[in-house]
Amino acid sequence: MTRPEQTGPAPENPQGSETASATPPALRPIESQALFGDRGIVQILHAGELYTLRITRNNRLILTK
């Protein structure tokens, strides 16, 4: 079985110079102290929904809607 030949120019990449093999930028860690301060709780608005992120007594993170 043979492959069909490509005709015309290659499809343009709508994202600019990025390619499928491009590596994403490195994530930058954020210290929890910078998010929570002294309160131990923050509210996050995501896609019109309000979430609460809190630090438990066992120093774990809990995200609730």
PDB file of N, CA and C in Angstrom:
ATOM      1  N   MET A   1       0.850  -1.168   0.000  1.00  0.00           N
ATOM      2  CA  MET A   1       0.000   0.000   0.000  1.00  0.00           C
ATOM      3  C   MET A   1       0.899   1.235   0.000  1.00  0.00           C
ATOM      4  N   THR A   2       0.569   2.209  -0.808  1.00  0.00           N
ATOM      5  CA  THR A   2       1.391   3.412  -0.898  1.00  0.00           C
ATOM      6  C   THR A   2       0.667   4.589  -0.270  1.00  0.00           C
ATOM      7  N   ARG A   3       1.453   5.551   0.195  1.00  0.00           N
ATOM      8  CA  ARG A   3       0.884   6.763   0.770  1.00  0.00           C
ATOM      9  C   ARG A   3       0.478   7.721  -0.343  1.00  0.00           C
ATOM     10  N   PRO A   4      -0.622   8.438  -0.162  1.00  0.00           N
ATOM     11  CA  PRO A   4      -0.969   9.454  -1.152  1.00  0.00           C
ATOM     12  C   PRO A   4       0.041  10.593  -1.093  1.00  0.00           C
ATOM     13  N   GLU A   5       0.355  11.149  -2.237  1.00  0.00           N
ATOM     14  CA  GLU A   5       1.306  12.254  -2.278  1.00  0.00           C
ATOM     15  C   GLU A   5       0.641  13.523  -1.780  1.00  0.00           C
ATOM     16  N   GLN A   6       1.424  14.336  -1.061  1.00  0.00           N
ATOM     17  CA  GLN A   6       0.912  15.616  -0.600  1.00  0.00           C
ATOM     18  C   GLN A   6       1.036  16.628  -1.718  1.00  0.00           C
ATOM     19  N   THR A   7       0.004  17.410  -1.895  1.00  0.00           N
ATOM     20  CA  THR A   7       0.053  18.463  -2.896  1.00  0.00           C
ATOM     21  C   THR A   7      -0.187  19.789  -2.214  1.00  0.00           C
ATOM     22  N   GLY A   8       0.433  20.827  -2.718  1.00  0.00           N
ATOM     23  CA  GLY A   8       0.267  22.159  -2.156  1.00  0.00           C
ATOM     24  C   GLY A   8       1.153  22.374  -0.950  1.00  0.00           C
ATOM     25  N   PRO A   9       1.092  23.565  -0.383  1.00  0.00           N
ATOM     26  CA  PRO A   9       1.947  23.899   0.759  1.00  0.00           C
ATOM     27  C   PRO A   9       1.509  23.155   2.020  1.00  0.00           C
ATOM     28  N   ALA A  10       2.442  23.024   2.942  1.00  0.00           N
ATOM     29  CA  ALA A  10       2.139  22.385   4.226  1.00  0.00           C
ATOM     30  C   ALA A  10       1.153  23.263   4.985  1.00  0.00           C
ATOM     31  N   PRO A  11       0.287  22.668   5.813  1.00  0.00           N
ATOM     32  CA  PRO A  11      -0.674  23.476   6.577  1.00  0.00           C
ATOM     33  C   PRO A  11       0.056  24.424   7.523  1.00  0.00           C
ATOM     34  N   GLU A  12      -0.509  25.620   7.675  1.00  0.00           N
ATOM     35  CA  GLU A  12       0.100  26.610   8.554  1.00  0.00           C
ATOM     36  C   GLU A  12      -0.205  26.276  10.003  1.00  0.00           C
ATOM     37  N   ASN A  13       0.708  26.661  10.879  1.00  0.00           N
ATOM     38  CA  ASN A  13       0.516  26.466  12.309  1.00  0.00           C
ATOM     39  C   ASN A  13      -0.140  27.727  12.866  1.00  0.00           C
ATOM     40  N   PRO A  14      -1.406  27.662  13.323  1.00  0.00           N
ATOM     41  CA  PRO A  14      -2.081  28.867  13.821  1.00  0.00           C
ATOM     42  C   PRO A  14      -1.481  29.401  15.112  1.00  0.00           C
ATOM     43  N   GLN A  15      -0.668  28.619  15.784  1.00  0.00           N
ATOM     44  CA  GLN A  15      -0.062  29.051  17.035  1.00  0.00           C
ATOM     45  C   GLN A  15       1.238  29.812  16.822  1.00  0.00           C
ATOM     46  N   GLY A  16       1.626  30.061  15.616  1.00  0.00           N
ATOM     47  CA  GLY A  16       2.881  30.761  15.359  1.00  0.00           C
ATOM     48  C   GLY A  16       4.003  29.789  15.159  1.00  0.00           C
ATOM     49  N   SER A  17       5.133  30.017  15.827  1.00  0.00           N
ATOM     50  CA  SER A  17       6.315  29.194  15.607  1.00  0.00           C
ATOM     51  C   SER A  17       6.340  27.927  16.458  1.00  0.00           C
ATOM     52  N   GLU A  18       5.342  27.734  17.305  1.00  0.00           N
ATOM     53  CA  GLU A  18       5.323  26.535  18.145  1.00  0.00           C
ATOM     54  C   GLU A  18       5.032  25.313  17.285  1.00  0.00           C
ATOM     55  N   THR A  19       5.640  24.198  17.663  1.00  0.00           N
ATOM     56  CA  THR A  19       5.367  22.954  16.965  1.00  0.00           C
ATOM     57  C   THR A  19       4.844  21.945  17.956  1.00  0.00           C
ATOM     58  N   ALA A  20       4.381  20.830  17.458  1.00  0.00           N
ATOM     59  CA  ALA A  20       3.845  19.791  18.335  1.00  0.00           C
ATOM     60  C   ALA A  20       4.916  19.243  19.264  1.00  0.00           C
ATOM     61  N   SER A  21       6.173  19.343  18.859  1.00  0.00           N
ATOM     62  CA  SER A  21       7.237  18.804  19.693  1.00  0.00           C
ATOM     63  C   SER A  21       7.828  19.850  20.632  1.00  0.00           C
ATOM     64  N   ALA A  22       7.296  21.065  20.631  1.00  0.00           N
ATOM     65  CA  ALA A  22       7.813  22.113  21.514  1.00  0.00           C
ATOM     66  C   ALA A  22       7.543  21.739  22.971  1.00  0.00           C
ATOM     67  N   THR A  23       8.494  22.006  23.830  1.00  0.00           N
ATOM     68  CA  THR A  23       8.315  21.701  25.241  1.00  0.00           C
ATOM     69  C   THR A  23       7.652  22.885  25.927  1.00  0.00           C
ATOM     70  N   PRO A  24       6.733  22.609  26.858  1.00  0.00           N
ATOM     71  CA  PRO A  24       6.072  23.702  27.559  1.00  0.00           C
ATOM     72  C   PRO A  24       7.054  24.419  28.475  1.00  0.00           C
ATOM     73  N   PRO A  25       6.776  25.665  28.805  1.00  0.00           N
ATOM     74  CA  PRO A  25       7.678  26.376  29.713  1.00  0.00           C
ATOM     75  C   PRO A  25       7.669  25.714  31.087  1.00  0.00           C
ATOM     76  N   ALA A  26       8.767  25.838  31.789  1.00  0.00           N
ATOM     77  CA  ALA A  26       8.883  25.237  33.125  1.00  0.00           C
ATOM     78  C   ALA A  26       7.896  25.916  34.074  1.00  0.00           C
ATOM     79  N   LEU A  27       7.288  25.116  34.942  1.00  0.00           N
ATOM     80  CA  LEU A  27       6.386  25.673  35.939  1.00  0.00           C
ATOM     81  C   LEU A  27       7.191  26.312  37.056  1.00  0.00           C
ATOM     82  N   ARG A  28       6.669  27.415  37.570  1.00  0.00           N
ATOM     83  CA  ARG A  28       7.350  28.115  38.656  1.00  0.00           C
ATOM     84  C   ARG A  28       6.613  27.797  39.959  1.00  0.00           C
ATOM     85  N   PRO A  29       7.260  27.101  40.877  1.00  0.00           N
ATOM     86  CA  PRO A  29       6.608  26.792  42.155  1.00  0.00           C
ATOM     87  C   PRO A  29       6.293  28.070  42.932  1.00  0.00           C
ATOM     88  N   ILE A  30       5.164  28.049  43.630  1.00  0.00           N
ATOM     89  CA  ILE A  30       4.764  29.167  44.487  1.00  0.00           C
ATOM     90  C   ILE A  30       4.702  28.651  45.911  1.00  0.00           C
ATOM     91  N   GLU A  31       5.378  29.305  46.801  1.00  0.00           N
ATOM     92  CA  GLU A  31       5.336  28.910  48.216  1.00  0.00           C
ATOM     93  C   GLU A  31       3.914  29.059  48.743  1.00  0.00           C
ATOM     94  N   SER A  32       3.436  28.072  49.477  1.00  0.00           N
ATOM     95  CA  SER A  32       2.080  28.140  50.013  1.00  0.00           C
ATOM     96  C   SER A  32       1.912  29.352  50.926  1.00  0.00           C
ATOM     97  N   GLN A  33       2.946  29.746  51.615  1.00  0.00           N
ATOM     98  CA  GLN A  33       2.886  30.930  52.483  1.00  0.00           C
ATOM     99  C   GLN A  33       2.518  32.177  51.680  1.00  0.00           C
ATOM    100  N   ALA A  34       2.994  32.240  50.430  1.00  0.00           N
ATOM    101  CA  ALA A  34       2.676  33.383  49.572  1.00  0.00           C
ATOM    102  C   ALA A  34       1.185  33.388  49.210  1.00  0.00           C
ATOM    103  N   LEU A  35       0.572  32.216  49.103  1.00  0.00           N
ATOM    104  CA  LEU A  35      -0.858  32.134  48.797  1.00  0.00           C
ATOM    105  C   LEU A  35      -1.735  32.335  50.029  1.00  0.00           C
ATOM    106  N   PHE A  36      -1.384  31.661  51.099  1.00  0.00           N
ATOM    107  CA  PHE A  36      -2.244  31.618  52.271  1.00  0.00           C
ATOM    108  C   PHE A  36      -1.973  32.714  53.290  1.00  0.00           C
ATOM    109  N   GLY A  37      -0.737  33.200  53.358  1.00  0.00           N
ATOM    110  CA  GLY A  37      -0.397  34.163  54.401  1.00  0.00           C
ATOM    111  C   GLY A  37      -0.613  33.530  55.760  1.00  0.00           C
ATOM    112  N   ASP A  38      -1.201  34.266  56.680  1.00  0.00           N
ATOM    113  CA  ASP A  38      -1.458  33.757  58.032  1.00  0.00           C
ATOM    114  C   ASP A  38      -2.832  33.111  58.172  1.00  0.00           C
ATOM    115  N   ARG A  39      -3.648  33.163  57.116  1.00  0.00           N
ATOM    116  CA  ARG A  39      -5.031  32.707  57.220  1.00  0.00           C
ATOM    117  C   ARG A  39      -5.200  31.200  57.061  1.00  0.00           C
ATOM    118  N   GLY A  40      -4.417  30.563  56.196  1.00  0.00           N
ATOM    119  CA  GLY A  40      -4.558  29.126  55.987  1.00  0.00           C
ATOM    120  C   GLY A  40      -5.716  28.756  55.074  1.00  0.00           C
ATOM    121  N   ILE A  41      -6.299  29.760  54.393  1.00  0.00           N
ATOM    122  CA  ILE A  41      -7.425  29.497  53.502  1.00  0.00           C
ATOM    123  C   ILE A  41      -7.448  30.561  52.402  1.00  0.00           C
ATOM    124  N   VAL A  42      -7.762  30.126  51.177  1.00  0.00           N
ATOM    125  CA  VAL A  42      -7.930  31.069  50.068  1.00  0.00           C
ATOM    126  C   VAL A  42      -9.150  30.650  49.257  1.00  0.00           C
ATOM    127  N   GLN A  43      -9.757  31.617  48.586  1.00  0.00           N
ATOM    128  CA  GLN A  43     -10.863  31.320  47.686  1.00  0.00           C
ATOM    129  C   GLN A  43     -10.369  31.543  46.269  1.00  0.00           C
ATOM    130  N   ILE A  44     -10.756  30.627  45.376  1.00  0.00           N
ATOM    131  CA  ILE A  44     -10.318  30.655  43.983  1.00  0.00           C
ATOM    132  C   ILE A  44     -11.565  30.700  43.107  1.00  0.00           C
ATOM    133  N   LEU A  45     -11.634  31.694  42.232  1.00  0.00           N
ATOM    134  CA  LEU A  45     -12.732  31.773  41.279  1.00  0.00           C
ATOM    135  C   LEU A  45     -12.239  31.182  39.968  1.00  0.00           C
ATOM    136  N   HIS A  46     -12.868  30.088  39.542  1.00  0.00           N
ATOM    137  CA  HIS A  46     -12.465  29.380  38.322  1.00  0.00           C
ATOM    138  C   HIS A  46     -13.701  29.087  37.486  1.00  0.00           C
ATOM    139  N   ALA A  47     -13.720  29.605  36.264  1.00  0.00           N
ATOM    140  CA  ALA A  47     -14.822  29.376  35.323  1.00  0.00           C
ATOM    141  C   ALA A  47     -16.170  29.705  35.952  1.00  0.00           C
ATOM    142  N   GLY A  48     -16.207  30.782  36.710  1.00  0.00           N
ATOM    143  CA  GLY A  48     -17.464  31.216  37.324  1.00  0.00           C
ATOM    144  C   GLY A  48     -17.844  30.458  38.578  1.00  0.00           C
ATOM    145  N   GLU A  49     -17.030  29.521  39.001  1.00  0.00           N
ATOM    146  CA  GLU A  49     -17.294  28.732  40.216  1.00  0.00           C
ATOM    147  C   GLU A  49     -16.308  29.136  41.310  1.00  0.00           C
ATOM    148  N   LEU A  50     -16.789  29.194  42.544  1.00  0.00           N
ATOM    149  CA  LEU A  50     -15.940  29.563  43.674  1.00  0.00           C
ATOM    150  C   LEU A  50     -15.477  28.303  44.404  1.00  0.00           C
ATOM    151  N   TYR A  51     -14.178  28.169  44.583  1.00  0.00           N
ATOM    152  CA  TYR A  51     -13.571  27.041  45.290  1.00  0.00           C
ATOM    153  C   TYR A  51     -12.836  27.570  46.510  1.00  0.00           C
ATOM    154  N   THR A  52     -12.701  26.727  47.523  1.00  0.00           N
ATOM    155  CA  THR A  52     -11.961  27.072  48.730  1.00  0.00           C
ATOM    156  C   THR A  52     -10.801  26.094  48.885  1.00  0.00           C
ATOM    157  N   LEU A  53      -9.612  26.634  49.037  1.00  0.00           N
ATOM    158  CA  LEU A  53      -8.413  25.833  49.265  1.00  0.00           C
ATOM    159  C   LEU A  53      -7.931  26.132  50.673  1.00  0.00           C
ATOM    160  N   ARG A  54      -7.809  25.092  51.477  1.00  0.00           N
ATOM    161  CA  ARG A  54      -7.408  25.305  52.874  1.00  0.00           C
ATOM    162  C   ARG A  54      -6.338  24.316  53.299  1.00  0.00           C
ATOM    163  N   ILE A  55      -5.596  24.713  54.322  1.00  0.00           N
ATOM    164  CA  ILE A  55      -4.593  23.842  54.941  1.00  0.00           C
ATOM    165  C   ILE A  55      -5.244  23.188  56.151  1.00  0.00           C
ATOM    166  N   THR A  56      -5.163  21.861  56.237  1.00  0.00           N
ATOM    167  CA  THR A  56      -5.768  21.134  57.358  1.00  0.00           C
ATOM    168  C   THR A  56      -4.846  21.142  58.573  1.00  0.00           C
ATOM    169  N   ARG A  57      -5.355  20.608  59.674  1.00  0.00           N
ATOM    170  CA  ARG A  57      -4.537  20.480  60.893  1.00  0.00           C
ATOM    171  C   ARG A  57      -3.338  19.572  60.671  1.00  0.00           C
ATOM    172  N   ASN A  58      -3.471  18.634  59.709  1.00  0.00           N
ATOM    173  CA  ASN A  58      -2.375  17.712  59.393  1.00  0.00           C
ATOM    174  C   ASN A  58      -1.460  18.264  58.307  1.00  0.00           C
ATOM    175  N   ASN A  59      -1.588  19.552  58.012  1.00  0.00           N
ATOM    176  CA  ASN A  59      -0.760  20.258  57.038  1.00  0.00           C
ATOM    177  C   ASN A  59      -0.932  19.721  55.612  1.00  0.00           C
ATOM    178  N   ARG A  60      -2.154  19.315  55.295  1.00  0.00           N
ATOM    179  CA  ARG A  60      -2.484  18.883  53.932  1.00  0.00           C
ATOM    180  C   ARG A  60      -3.387  19.926  53.301  1.00  0.00           C
ATOM    181  N   LEU A  61      -3.480  19.885  51.970  1.00  0.00           N
ATOM    182  CA  LEU A  61      -4.333  20.826  51.258  1.00  0.00           C
ATOM    183  C   LEU A  61      -5.637  20.163  50.872  1.00  0.00           C
ATOM    184  N   ILE A  62      -6.735  20.866  51.084  1.00  0.00           N
ATOM    185  CA  ILE A  62      -8.061  20.395  50.713  1.00  0.00           C
ATOM    186  C   ILE A  62      -8.708  21.454  49.836  1.00  0.00           C
ATOM    187  N   LEU A  63      -9.178  21.039  48.639  1.00  0.00           N
ATOM    188  CA  LEU A  63      -9.881  21.929  47.739  1.00  0.00           C
ATOM    189  C   LEU A  63     -11.349  21.504  47.711  1.00  0.00           C
ATOM    190  N   THR A  64     -12.253  22.436  48.047  1.00  0.00           N
ATOM    191  CA  THR A  64     -13.686  22.151  48.034  1.00  0.00           C
ATOM    192  C   THR A  64     -14.409  23.168  47.179  1.00  0.00           C
ATOM    193  N   LYS A  65     -15.564  22.761  46.711  1.00  0.00           N
ATOM    194  CA  LYS A  65     -16.393  23.627  45.878  1.00  0.00           C
ATOM    195  C   LYS A  65     -17.452  24.269  46.728  1.00  0.00           C
TER     196      LYS A  65
END
